[in-house]
Amino acid sequence: MKSQRMNAKKEFLNEVQGKTVLCAYIERGFGGAVDSAYALDLDYTPDDYAMFLESLDFVYDADFGEPNLFGTIWYTDNTWSTRIAYHAGEEWLHKKPPEVPPWLYKGKIGQ
């Protein structure tokens, strides 16, 4: 079986397209061990962002088995992306906070 080779930088850029990144934290490892960590702090500068992207410019195997990348990307609109693993590989998943049900607002409980 041919391995699925992925570039972490290209994957990141594809995931954040059209979104404004607040900050990010990504770990690279295998078998529960973290080999490298990549952080983009809050209030980053354009140079910080460029260095962060450069640090992600590597290829990894995104095959069956254990995931190689873990992490979260936070956006300014209060959404985020997180890494997920599934039977055929791994990828980013964009998430939005769930809506608060109306009955949870003060004075509405039990109504």
PDB file of N, CA and C in Angstrom:
ATOM      1  N   MET A   1       0.839  -1.176   0.000  1.00  0.00           N
ATOM      2  CA  MET A   1       0.000   0.000   0.000  1.00  0.00           C
ATOM      3  C   MET A   1       0.887   1.245   0.000  1.00  0.00           C
ATOM      4  N   LYS A   2       0.565   2.200  -0.849  1.00  0.00           N
ATOM      5  CA  LYS A   2       1.337   3.433  -0.947  1.00  0.00           C
ATOM      6  C   LYS A   2       0.946   4.381   0.187  1.00  0.00           C
ATOM      7  N   SER A   3       1.946   4.992   0.815  1.00  0.00           N
ATOM      8  CA  SER A   3       1.651   5.900   1.925  1.00  0.00           C
ATOM      9  C   SER A   3       1.121   7.234   1.410  1.00  0.00           C
ATOM     10  N   GLN A   4       0.289   7.862   2.218  1.00  0.00           N
ATOM     11  CA  GLN A   4      -0.273   9.166   1.892  1.00  0.00           C
ATOM     12  C   GLN A   4       0.605  10.222   2.544  1.00  0.00           C
ATOM     13  N   ARG A   5       1.378  10.935   1.737  1.00  0.00           N
ATOM     14  CA  ARG A   5       2.297  11.948   2.233  1.00  0.00           C
ATOM     15  C   ARG A   5       1.600  13.303   2.201  1.00  0.00           C
ATOM     16  N   MET A   6       1.656  14.020   3.323  1.00  0.00           N
ATOM     17  CA  MET A   6       1.004  15.323   3.434  1.00  0.00           C
ATOM     18  C   MET A   6       2.013  16.370   3.878  1.00  0.00           C
ATOM     19  N   ASN A   7       1.847  17.606   3.395  1.00  0.00           N
ATOM     20  CA  ASN A   7       2.669  18.727   3.834  1.00  0.00           C
ATOM     21  C   ASN A   7       1.874  19.504   4.881  1.00  0.00           C
ATOM     22  N   ALA A   8       2.408  19.606   6.085  1.00  0.00           N
ATOM     23  CA  ALA A   8       1.684  20.236   7.199  1.00  0.00           C
ATOM     24  C   ALA A   8       1.390  21.713   6.930  1.00  0.00           C
ATOM     25  N   LYS A   9       2.313  22.421   6.297  1.00  0.00           N
ATOM     26  CA  LYS A   9       2.106  23.844   5.999  1.00  0.00           C
ATOM     27  C   LYS A   9       0.960  24.018   5.002  1.00  0.00           C
ATOM     28  N   LYS A  10       0.964  23.241   3.931  1.00  0.00           N
ATOM     29  CA  LYS A  10      -0.105  23.344   2.933  1.00  0.00           C
ATOM     30  C   LYS A  10      -1.456  22.987   3.544  1.00  0.00           C
ATOM     31  N   GLU A  11      -1.456  21.976   4.382  1.00  0.00           N
ATOM     32  CA  GLU A  11      -2.684  21.564   5.061  1.00  0.00           C
ATOM     33  C   GLU A  11      -3.211  22.685   5.969  1.00  0.00           C
ATOM     34  N   PHE A  12      -2.311  23.315   6.722  1.00  0.00           N
ATOM     35  CA  PHE A  12      -2.678  24.420   7.609  1.00  0.00           C
ATOM     36  C   PHE A  12      -3.265  25.575   6.796  1.00  0.00           C
ATOM     37  N   LEU A  13      -2.566  25.977   5.732  1.00  0.00           N
ATOM     38  CA  LEU A  13      -3.030  27.098   4.913  1.00  0.00           C
ATOM     39  C   LEU A  13      -4.382  26.811   4.275  1.00  0.00           C
ATOM     40  N   ASN A  14      -4.598  25.588   3.860  1.00  0.00           N
ATOM     41  CA  ASN A  14      -5.890  25.203   3.302  1.00  0.00           C
ATOM     42  C   ASN A  14      -6.992  25.307   4.359  1.00  0.00           C
ATOM     43  N   GLU A  15      -6.684  24.891   5.576  1.00  0.00           N
ATOM     44  CA  GLU A  15      -7.677  24.915   6.651  1.00  0.00           C
ATOM     45  C   GLU A  15      -8.050  26.342   7.066  1.00  0.00           C
ATOM     46  N   VAL A  16      -7.096  27.257   7.091  1.00  0.00           N
ATOM     47  CA  VAL A  16      -7.368  28.613   7.589  1.00  0.00           C
ATOM     48  C   VAL A  16      -7.842  29.566   6.495  1.00  0.00           C
ATOM     49  N   GLN A  17      -7.906  29.095   5.262  1.00  0.00           N
ATOM     50  CA  GLN A  17      -8.314  29.963   4.157  1.00  0.00           C
ATOM     51  C   GLN A  17      -9.682  30.578   4.437  1.00  0.00           C
ATOM     52  N   GLY A  18      -9.762  31.906   4.336  1.00  0.00           N
ATOM     53  CA  GLY A  18     -11.006  32.626   4.568  1.00  0.00           C
ATOM     54  C   GLY A  18     -11.329  32.881   6.029  1.00  0.00           C
ATOM     55  N   LYS A  19     -10.429  32.482   6.927  1.00  0.00           N
ATOM     56  CA  LYS A  19     -10.637  32.687   8.359  1.00  0.00           C
ATOM     57  C   LYS A  19      -9.499  33.548   8.901  1.00  0.00           C
ATOM     58  N   THR A  20      -9.716  34.231  10.020  1.00  0.00           N
ATOM     59  CA  THR A  20      -8.671  35.019  10.663  1.00  0.00           C
ATOM     60  C   THR A  20      -8.172  34.254  11.880  1.00  0.00           C
ATOM     61  N   VAL A  21      -6.898  33.868  11.838  1.00  0.00           N
ATOM     62  CA  VAL A  21      -6.304  33.057  12.900  1.00  0.00           C
ATOM     63  C   VAL A  21      -6.027  33.919  14.127  1.00  0.00           C
ATOM     64  N   LEU A  22      -6.487  33.464  15.281  1.00  0.00           N
ATOM     65  CA  LEU A  22      -6.206  34.114  16.557  1.00  0.00           C
ATOM     66  C   LEU A  22      -4.890  33.586  17.127  1.00  0.00           C
ATOM     67  N   CYS A  23      -4.732  32.267  17.155  1.00  0.00           N
ATOM     68  CA  CYS A  23      -3.513  31.613  17.620  1.00  0.00           C
ATOM     69  C   CYS A  23      -3.602  30.137  17.233  1.00  0.00           C
ATOM     70  N   ALA A  24      -2.511  29.412  17.425  1.00  0.00           N
ATOM     71  CA  ALA A  24      -2.510  27.990  17.065  1.00  0.00           C
ATOM     72  C   ALA A  24      -1.459  27.251  17.873  1.00  0.00           C
ATOM     73  N   TYR A  25      -1.717  25.961  18.080  1.00  0.00           N
ATOM     74  CA  TYR A  25      -0.740  25.087  18.730  1.00  0.00           C
ATOM     75  C   TYR A  25      -0.843  23.707  18.089  1.00  0.00           C
ATOM     76  N   ILE A  26       0.277  23.219  17.560  1.00  0.00           N
ATOM     77  CA  ILE A  26       0.309  21.933  16.864  1.00  0.00           C
ATOM     78  C   ILE A  26       1.468  21.113  17.404  1.00  0.00           C
ATOM     79  N   GLU A  27       1.215  19.841  17.638  1.00  0.00           N
ATOM     80  CA  GLU A  27       2.264  18.915  18.069  1.00  0.00           C
ATOM     81  C   GLU A  27       2.448  17.847  17.002  1.00  0.00           C
ATOM     82  N   ARG A  28       3.686  17.403  16.859  1.00  0.00           N
ATOM     83  CA  ARG A  28       4.015  16.319  15.939  1.00  0.00           C
ATOM     84  C   ARG A  28       4.618  15.185  16.754  1.00  0.00           C
ATOM     85  N   GLY A  29       4.142  13.984  16.523  1.00  0.00           N
ATOM     86  CA  GLY A  29       4.671  12.849  17.262  1.00  0.00           C
ATOM     87  C   GLY A  29       4.045  11.560  16.798  1.00  0.00           C
ATOM     88  N   PHE A  30       4.394  10.491  17.492  1.00  0.00           N
ATOM     89  CA  PHE A  30       3.867   9.178  17.145  1.00  0.00           C
ATOM     90  C   PHE A  30       3.895   8.297  18.384  1.00  0.00           C
ATOM     91  N   GLY A  31       2.878   7.488  18.531  1.00  0.00           N
ATOM     92  CA  GLY A  31       2.840   6.559  19.651  1.00  0.00           C
ATOM     93  C   GLY A  31       2.735   7.225  21.007  1.00  0.00           C
ATOM     94  N   GLY A  32       2.113   8.398  21.059  1.00  0.00           N
ATOM     95  CA  GLY A  32       1.942   9.101  22.322  1.00  0.00           C
ATOM     96  C   GLY A  32       3.098   9.997  22.717  1.00  0.00           C
ATOM     97  N   ALA A  33       4.195   9.942  21.969  1.00  0.00           N
ATOM     98  CA  ALA A  33       5.360  10.788  22.267  1.00  0.00           C
ATOM     99  C   ALA A  33       5.340  12.025  21.372  1.00  0.00           C
ATOM    100  N   VAL A  34       5.563  13.197  21.956  1.00  0.00           N
ATOM    101  CA  VAL A  34       5.626  14.445  21.200  1.00  0.00           C
ATOM    102  C   VAL A  34       7.080  14.697  20.815  1.00  0.00           C
ATOM    103  N   ASP A  35       7.325  14.769  19.509  1.00  0.00           N
ATOM    104  CA  ASP A  35       8.673  15.030  19.007  1.00  0.00           C
ATOM    105  C   ASP A  35       8.944  16.524  18.842  1.00  0.00           C
ATOM    106  N   SER A  36       7.916  17.260  18.398  1.00  0.00           N
ATOM    107  CA  SER A  36       8.059  18.696  18.143  1.00  0.00           C
ATOM    108  C   SER A  36       6.740  19.392  18.435  1.00  0.00           C
ATOM    109  N   ALA A  37       6.823  20.668  18.811  1.00  0.00           N
ATOM    110  CA  ALA A  37       5.630  21.480  19.047  1.00  0.00           C
ATOM    111  C   ALA A  37       5.803  22.818  18.338  1.00  0.00           C
ATOM    112  N   TYR A  38       4.714  23.324  17.783  1.00  0.00           N
ATOM    113  CA  TYR A  38       4.721  24.559  17.004  1.00  0.00           C
ATOM    114  C   TYR A  38       3.620  25.461  17.544  1.00  0.00           C
ATOM    115  N   ALA A  39       3.991  26.657  17.994  1.00  0.00           N
ATOM    116  CA  ALA A  39       3.024  27.565  18.611  1.00  0.00           C
ATOM    117  C   ALA A  39       2.995  28.904  17.885  1.00  0.00           C
ATOM    118  N   LEU A  40       1.796  29.394  17.661  1.00  0.00           N
ATOM    119  CA  LEU A  40       1.571  30.741  17.158  1.00  0.00           C
ATOM    120  C   LEU A  40       0.814  31.466  18.260  1.00  0.00           C
ATOM    121  N   ASP A  41       1.509  32.369  18.940  1.00  0.00           N
ATOM    122  CA  ASP A  41       0.959  33.043  20.114  1.00  0.00           C
ATOM    123  C   ASP A  41      -0.118  34.064  19.752  1.00  0.00           C
ATOM    124  N   LEU A  42      -0.918  34.413  20.756  1.00  0.00           N
ATOM    125  CA  LEU A  42      -1.834  35.543  20.619  1.00  0.00           C
ATOM    126  C   LEU A  42      -1.005  36.786  20.311  1.00  0.00           C
ATOM    127  N   ASP A  43      -1.550  37.729  19.599  1.00  0.00           N
ATOM    128  CA  ASP A  43      -0.861  38.984  19.257  1.00  0.00           C
ATOM    129  C   ASP A  43       0.422  38.741  18.471  1.00  0.00           C
ATOM    130  N   TYR A  44       0.412  37.726  17.606  1.00  0.00           N
ATOM    131  CA  TYR A  44       1.582  37.443  16.769  1.00  0.00           C
ATOM    132  C   TYR A  44       1.767  38.544  15.722  1.00  0.00           C
ATOM    133  N   THR A  45       2.997  38.686  15.275  1.00  0.00           N
ATOM    134  CA  THR A  45       3.340  39.651  14.229  1.00  0.00           C
ATOM    135  C   THR A  45       3.370  38.935  12.879  1.00  0.00           C
ATOM    136  N   PRO A  46       3.401  39.679  11.777  1.00  0.00           N
ATOM    137  CA  PRO A  46       3.552  39.028  10.472  1.00  0.00           C
ATOM    138  C   PRO A  46       4.816  38.164  10.395  1.00  0.00           C
ATOM    139  N   ASP A  47       5.898  38.614  11.026  1.00  0.00           N
ATOM    140  CA  ASP A  47       7.124  37.804  11.044  1.00  0.00           C
ATOM    141  C   ASP A  47       6.923  36.518  11.845  1.00  0.00           C
ATOM    142  N   ASP A  48       6.223  36.604  12.984  1.00  0.00           N
ATOM    143  CA  ASP A  48       5.914  35.407  13.778  1.00  0.00           C
ATOM    144  C   ASP A  48       5.119  34.405  12.940  1.00  0.00           C
ATOM    145  N   TYR A  49       4.135  34.918  12.198  1.00  0.00           N
ATOM    146  CA  TYR A  49       3.292  34.053  11.370  1.00  0.00           C
ATOM    147  C   TYR A  49       4.124  33.372  10.286  1.00  0.00           C
ATOM    148  N   ALA A  50       4.993  34.136   9.651  1.00  0.00           N
ATOM    149  CA  ALA A  50       5.858  33.572   8.606  1.00  0.00           C
ATOM    150  C   ALA A  50       6.772  32.489   9.177  1.00  0.00           C
ATOM    151  N   MET A  51       7.338  32.720  10.354  1.00  0.00           N
ATOM    152  CA  MET A  51       8.210  31.717  10.984  1.00  0.00           C
ATOM    153  C   MET A  51       7.408  30.479  11.389  1.00  0.00           C
ATOM    154  N   PHE A  52       6.190  30.687  11.878  1.00  0.00           N
ATOM    155  CA  PHE A  52       5.326  29.563  12.234  1.00  0.00           C
ATOM    156  C   PHE A  52       5.041  28.703  11.002  1.00  0.00           C
ATOM    157  N   LEU A  53       4.678  29.356   9.892  1.00  0.00           N
ATOM    158  CA  LEU A  53       4.415  28.611   8.661  1.00  0.00           C
ATOM    159  C   LEU A  53       5.651  27.863   8.186  1.00  0.00           C
ATOM    160  N   GLU A  54       6.798  28.503   8.270  1.00  0.00           N
ATOM    161  CA  GLU A  54       8.044  27.851   7.856  1.00  0.00           C
ATOM    162  C   GLU A  54       8.314  26.615   8.712  1.00  0.00           C
ATOM    163  N   SER A  55       8.003  26.692   9.999  1.00  0.00           N
ATOM    164  CA  SER A  55       8.233  25.541  10.882  1.00  0.00           C
ATOM    165  C   SER A  55       7.323  24.368  10.518  1.00  0.00           C
ATOM    166  N   LEU A  56       6.190  24.656   9.879  1.00  0.00           N
ATOM    167  CA  LEU A  56       5.257  23.602   9.471  1.00  0.00           C
ATOM    168  C   LEU A  56       5.551  23.043   8.082  1.00  0.00           C
ATOM    169  N   ASP A  57       6.592  23.515   7.450  1.00  0.00           N
ATOM    170  CA  ASP A  57       6.894  23.080   6.081  1.00  0.00           C
ATOM    171  C   ASP A  57       7.639  21.745   6.099  1.00  0.00           C
ATOM    172  N   PHE A  58       6.906  20.690   6.427  1.00  0.00           N
ATOM    173  CA  PHE A  58       7.463  19.337   6.434  1.00  0.00           C
ATOM    174  C   PHE A  58       6.398  18.359   5.939  1.00  0.00           C
ATOM    175  N   VAL A  59       6.850  17.208   5.488  1.00  0.00           N
ATOM    176  CA  VAL A  59       5.971  16.162   4.982  1.00  0.00           C
ATOM    177  C   VAL A  59       5.878  15.058   6.028  1.00  0.00           C
ATOM    178  N   TYR A  60       4.690  14.521   6.210  1.00  0.00           N
ATOM    179  CA  TYR A  60       4.485  13.428   7.163  1.00  0.00           C
ATOM    180  C   TYR A  60       3.547  12.401   6.539  1.00  0.00           C
ATOM    181  N   ASP A  61       3.519  11.202   7.106  1.00  0.00           N
ATOM    182  CA  ASP A  61       2.624  10.138   6.648  1.00  0.00           C
ATOM    183  C   ASP A  61       1.272  10.288   7.327  1.00  0.00           C
ATOM    184  N   ALA A  62       0.222  10.435   6.523  1.00  0.00           N
ATOM    185  CA  ALA A  62      -1.142  10.568   7.052  1.00  0.00           C
ATOM    186  C   ALA A  62      -1.940   9.317   6.701  1.00  0.00           C
ATOM    187  N   ASP A  63      -1.372   8.164   7.009  1.00  0.00           N
ATOM    188  CA  ASP A  63      -1.961   6.874   6.651  1.00  0.00           C
ATOM    189  C   ASP A  63      -2.855   6.319   7.735  1.00  0.00           C
ATOM    190  N   PHE A  64      -3.216   5.078   7.498  1.00  0.00           N
ATOM    191  CA  PHE A  64      -3.907   4.289   8.515  1.00  0.00           C
ATOM    192  C   PHE A  64      -3.012   4.206   9.738  1.00  0.00           C
ATOM    193  N   GLY A  65      -3.600   4.027  10.878  1.00  0.00           N
ATOM    194  CA  GLY A  65      -2.814   3.898  12.097  1.00  0.00           C
ATOM    195  C   GLY A  65      -2.913   5.140  12.952  1.00  0.00           C
ATOM    196  N   GLU A  66      -1.938   5.306  13.805  1.00  0.00           N
ATOM    197  CA  GLU A  66      -1.950   6.428  14.742  1.00  0.00           C
ATOM    198  C   GLU A  66      -1.712   7.756  14.030  1.00  0.00           C
ATOM    199  N   PRO A  67      -2.369   8.822  14.499  1.00  0.00           N
ATOM    200  CA  PRO A  67      -2.141  10.142  13.907  1.00  0.00           C
ATOM    201  C   PRO A  67      -0.742  10.659  14.231  1.00  0.00           C
ATOM    202  N   ASN A  68      -0.252  11.558  13.382  1.00  0.00           N
ATOM    203  CA  ASN A  68       1.066  12.162  13.559  1.00  0.00           C
ATOM    204  C   ASN A  68       0.995  13.604  14.036  1.00  0.00           C
ATOM    205  N   LEU A  69      -0.089  14.299  13.712  1.00  0.00           N
ATOM    206  CA  LEU A  69      -0.252  15.703  14.101  1.00  0.00           C
ATOM    207  C   LEU A  69      -1.461  15.841  15.022  1.00  0.00           C
ATOM    208  N   PHE A  70      -1.299  16.689  16.015  1.00  0.00           N
ATOM    209  CA  PHE A  70      -2.365  16.995  16.965  1.00  0.00           C
ATOM    210  C   PHE A  70      -2.381  18.506  17.113  1.00  0.00           C
ATOM    211  N   GLY A  71      -3.515  19.084  17.423  1.00  0.00           N
ATOM    212  CA  GLY A  71      -3.489  20.510  17.686  1.00  0.00           C
ATOM    213  C   GLY A  71      -4.814  21.201  17.503  1.00  0.00           C
ATOM    214  N   THR A  72      -4.752  22.510  17.729  1.00  0.00           N
ATOM    215  CA  THR A  72      -5.922  23.365  17.632  1.00  0.00           C
ATOM    216  C   THR A  72      -5.517  24.681  16.989  1.00  0.00           C
ATOM    217  N   ILE A  73      -6.399  25.192  16.130  1.00  0.00           N
ATOM    218  CA  ILE A  73      -6.265  26.532  15.556  1.00  0.00           C
ATOM    219  C   ILE A  73      -7.476  27.317  16.046  1.00  0.00           C
ATOM    220  N   TRP A  74      -7.240  28.417  16.725  1.00  0.00           N
ATOM    221  CA  TRP A  74      -8.327  29.274  17.202  1.00  0.00           C
ATOM    222  C   TRP A  74      -8.492  30.439  16.232  1.00  0.00           C
ATOM    223  N   TYR A  75      -9.754  30.847  15.990  1.00  0.00           N
ATOM    224  CA  TYR A  75     -10.053  31.947  15.076  1.00  0.00           C
ATOM    225  C   TYR A  75     -10.710  33.098  15.835  1.00  0.00           C
ATOM    226  N   THR A  76     -10.641  34.289  15.241  1.00  0.00           N
ATOM    227  CA  THR A  76     -11.187  35.483  15.890  1.00  0.00           C
ATOM    228  C   THR A  76     -12.711  35.477  15.964  1.00  0.00           C
ATOM    229  N   ASP A  77     -13.371  34.622  15.198  1.00  0.00           N
ATOM    230  CA  ASP A  77     -14.841  34.568  15.229  1.00  0.00           C
ATOM    231  C   ASP A  77     -15.370  33.573  16.262  1.00  0.00           C
ATOM    232  N   ASN A  78     -14.508  33.140  17.185  1.00  0.00           N
ATOM    233  CA  ASN A  78     -14.868  32.223  18.268  1.00  0.00           C
ATOM    234  C   ASN A  78     -15.077  30.780  17.797  1.00  0.00           C
ATOM    235  N   THR A  79     -14.592  30.443  16.587  1.00  0.00           N
ATOM    236  CA  THR A  79     -14.603  29.062  16.124  1.00  0.00           C
ATOM    237  C   THR A  79     -13.189  28.517  16.233  1.00  0.00           C
ATOM    238  N   TRP A  80     -13.020  27.242  15.963  1.00  0.00           N
ATOM    239  CA  TRP A  80     -11.697  26.638  16.027  1.00  0.00           C
ATOM    240  C   TRP A  80     -11.645  25.426  15.105  1.00  0.00           C
ATOM    241  N   SER A  81     -10.446  24.995  14.794  1.00  0.00           N
ATOM    242  CA  SER A  81     -10.224  23.750  14.067  1.00  0.00           C
ATOM    243  C   SER A  81      -9.371  22.854  14.943  1.00  0.00           C
ATOM    244  N   THR A  82      -9.685  21.571  14.907  1.00  0.00           N
ATOM    245  CA  THR A  82      -8.937  20.598  15.691  1.00  0.00           C
ATOM    246  C   THR A  82      -8.580  19.419  14.796  1.00  0.00           C
ATOM    247  N   ARG A  83      -7.530  18.713  15.144  1.00  0.00           N
ATOM    248  CA  ARG A  83      -7.115  17.543  14.372  1.00  0.00           C
ATOM    249  C   ARG A  83      -7.965  16.345  14.768  1.00  0.00           C
ATOM    250  N   ILE A  84      -8.394  15.587  13.769  1.00  0.00           N
ATOM    251  CA  ILE A  84      -9.105  14.339  14.026  1.00  0.00           C
ATOM    252  C   ILE A  84      -8.420  13.216  13.262  1.00  0.00           C
ATOM    253  N   ALA A  85      -8.524  12.024  13.795  1.00  0.00           N
ATOM    254  CA  ALA A  85      -8.016  10.830  13.120  1.00  0.00           C
ATOM    255  C   ALA A  85      -9.194   9.901  12.864  1.00  0.00           C
ATOM    256  N   TYR A  86      -9.151   9.225  11.755  1.00  0.00           N
ATOM    257  CA  TYR A  86     -10.195   8.267  11.408  1.00  0.00           C
ATOM    258  C   TYR A  86      -9.546   7.104  10.678  1.00  0.00           C
ATOM    259  N   HIS A  87     -10.328   6.131  10.279  1.00  0.00           N
ATOM    260  CA  HIS A  87      -9.781   4.884   9.733  1.00  0.00           C
ATOM    261  C   HIS A  87      -8.901   5.069   8.500  1.00  0.00           C
ATOM    262  N   ALA A  88      -9.089   6.123   7.737  1.00  0.00           N
ATOM    263  CA  ALA A  88      -8.320   6.299   6.502  1.00  0.00           C
ATOM    264  C   ALA A  88      -7.264   7.392   6.595  1.00  0.00           C
ATOM    265  N   GLY A  89      -7.059   7.991   7.740  1.00  0.00           N
ATOM    266  CA  GLY A  89      -6.047   9.030   7.857  1.00  0.00           C
ATOM    267  C   GLY A  89      -6.367  10.029   8.950  1.00  0.00           C
ATOM    268  N   GLU A  90      -5.957  11.278   8.711  1.00  0.00           N
ATOM    269  CA  GLU A  90      -6.186  12.347   9.674  1.00  0.00           C
ATOM    270  C   GLU A  90      -6.401  13.646   8.931  1.00  0.00           C
ATOM    271  N   GLU A  91      -7.085  14.609   9.571  1.00  0.00           N
ATOM    272  CA  GLU A  91      -7.371  15.886   8.924  1.00  0.00           C
ATOM    273  C   GLU A  91      -7.813  16.905   9.968  1.00  0.00           C
ATOM    274  N   TRP A  92      -7.979  18.156   9.514  1.00  0.00           N
ATOM    275  CA  TRP A  92      -8.517  19.215  10.365  1.00  0.00           C
ATOM    276  C   TRP A  92     -10.042  19.165  10.311  1.00  0.00           C
ATOM    277  N   LEU A  93     -10.685  19.524  11.415  1.00  0.00           N
ATOM    278  CA  LEU A  93     -12.136  19.632  11.489  1.00  0.00           C
ATOM    279  C   LEU A  93     -12.465  20.994  12.092  1.00  0.00           C
ATOM    280  N   HIS A  94     -13.227  21.826  11.344  1.00  0.00           N
ATOM    281  CA  HIS A  94     -13.613  23.162  11.804  1.00  0.00           C
ATOM    282  C   HIS A  94     -14.862  23.042  12.667  1.00  0.00           C
ATOM    283  N   LYS A  95     -14.843  23.696  13.829  1.00  0.00           N
ATOM    284  CA  LYS A  95     -15.963  23.588  14.771  1.00  0.00           C
ATOM    285  C   LYS A  95     -16.466  24.971  15.175  1.00  0.00           C
ATOM    286  N   LYS A  96     -17.764  25.032  15.415  1.00  0.00           N
ATOM    287  CA  LYS A  96     -18.402  26.241  15.931  1.00  0.00           C
ATOM    288  C   LYS A  96     -18.977  25.912  17.300  1.00  0.00           C
ATOM    289  N   PRO A  97     -19.014  26.909  18.206  1.00  0.00           N
ATOM    290  CA  PRO A  97     -19.625  26.629  19.508  1.00  0.00           C
ATOM    291  C   PRO A  97     -21.100  26.281  19.320  1.00  0.00           C
ATOM    292  N   PRO A  98     -21.606  25.355  20.105  1.00  0.00           N
ATOM    293  CA  PRO A  98     -23.030  25.031  19.984  1.00  0.00           C
ATOM    294  C   PRO A  98     -23.889  26.195  20.473  1.00  0.00           C
ATOM    295  N   GLU A  99     -25.064  26.314  19.886  1.00  0.00           N
ATOM    296  CA  GLU A  99     -26.017  27.340  20.326  1.00  0.00           C
ATOM    297  C   GLU A  99     -26.483  27.002  21.741  1.00  0.00           C
ATOM    298  N   VAL A 100     -26.617  28.023  22.567  1.00  0.00           N
ATOM    299  CA  VAL A 100     -27.166  27.828  23.911  1.00  0.00           C
ATOM    300  C   VAL A 100     -28.682  27.728  23.768  1.00  0.00           C
ATOM    301  N   PRO A 101     -29.277  26.656  24.273  1.00  0.00           N
ATOM    302  CA  PRO A 101     -30.729  26.540  24.150  1.00  0.00           C
ATOM    303  C   PRO A 101     -31.425  27.647  24.943  1.00  0.00           C
ATOM    304  N   PRO A 102     -32.533  28.162  24.425  1.00  0.00           N
ATOM    305  CA  PRO A 102     -33.223  29.280  25.077  1.00  0.00           C
ATOM    306  C   PRO A 102     -33.577  29.011  26.537  1.00  0.00           C
ATOM    307  N   TRP A 103     -33.880  27.765  26.878  1.00  0.00           N
ATOM    308  CA  TRP A 103     -34.292  27.455  28.244  1.00  0.00           C
ATOM    309  C   TRP A 103     -33.151  27.543  29.253  1.00  0.00           C
ATOM    310  N   LEU A 104     -31.916  27.739  28.794  1.00  0.00           N
ATOM    311  CA  LEU A 104     -30.801  27.891  29.726  1.00  0.00           C
ATOM    312  C   LEU A 104     -30.534  29.344  30.117  1.00  0.00           C
ATOM    313  N   TYR A 105     -31.223  30.285  29.483  1.00  0.00           N
ATOM    314  CA  TYR A 105     -31.059  31.684  29.871  1.00  0.00           C
ATOM    315  C   TYR A 105     -31.749  31.922  31.208  1.00  0.00           C
ATOM    316  N   LYS A 106     -31.203  32.822  32.004  1.00  0.00           N
ATOM    317  CA  LYS A 106     -31.722  33.099  33.350  1.00  0.00           C
ATOM    318  C   LYS A 106     -33.232  33.348  33.304  1.00  0.00           C
ATOM    319  N   GLY A 107     -33.926  32.693  34.197  1.00  0.00           N
ATOM    320  CA  GLY A 107     -35.370  32.856  34.277  1.00  0.00           C
ATOM    321  C   GLY A 107     -36.151  31.948  33.345  1.00  0.00           C
ATOM    322  N   LYS A 108     -35.467  31.182  32.507  1.00  0.00           N
ATOM    323  CA  LYS A 108     -36.153  30.323  31.544  1.00  0.00           C
ATOM    324  C   LYS A 108     -36.063  28.844  31.906  1.00  0.00           C
ATOM    325  N   ILE A 109     -35.233  28.498  32.896  1.00  0.00           N
ATOM    326  CA  ILE A 109     -35.058  27.092  33.247  1.00  0.00           C
ATOM    327  C   ILE A 109     -36.389  26.508  33.698  1.00  0.00           C
ATOM    328  N   GLY A 110     -36.743  25.363  33.149  1.00  0.00           N
ATOM    329  CA  GLY A 110     -37.988  24.686  33.491  1.00  0.00           C
ATOM    330  C   GLY A 110     -39.187  25.162  32.694  1.00  0.00           C
ATOM    331  N   GLN A 111     -38.992  26.105  31.797  1.00  0.00           N
ATOM    332  CA  GLN A 111     -40.127  26.605  31.000  1.00  0.00           C
ATOM    333  C   GLN A 111     -40.140  25.974  29.630  1.00  0.00           C
TER     334      GLN A 111
END
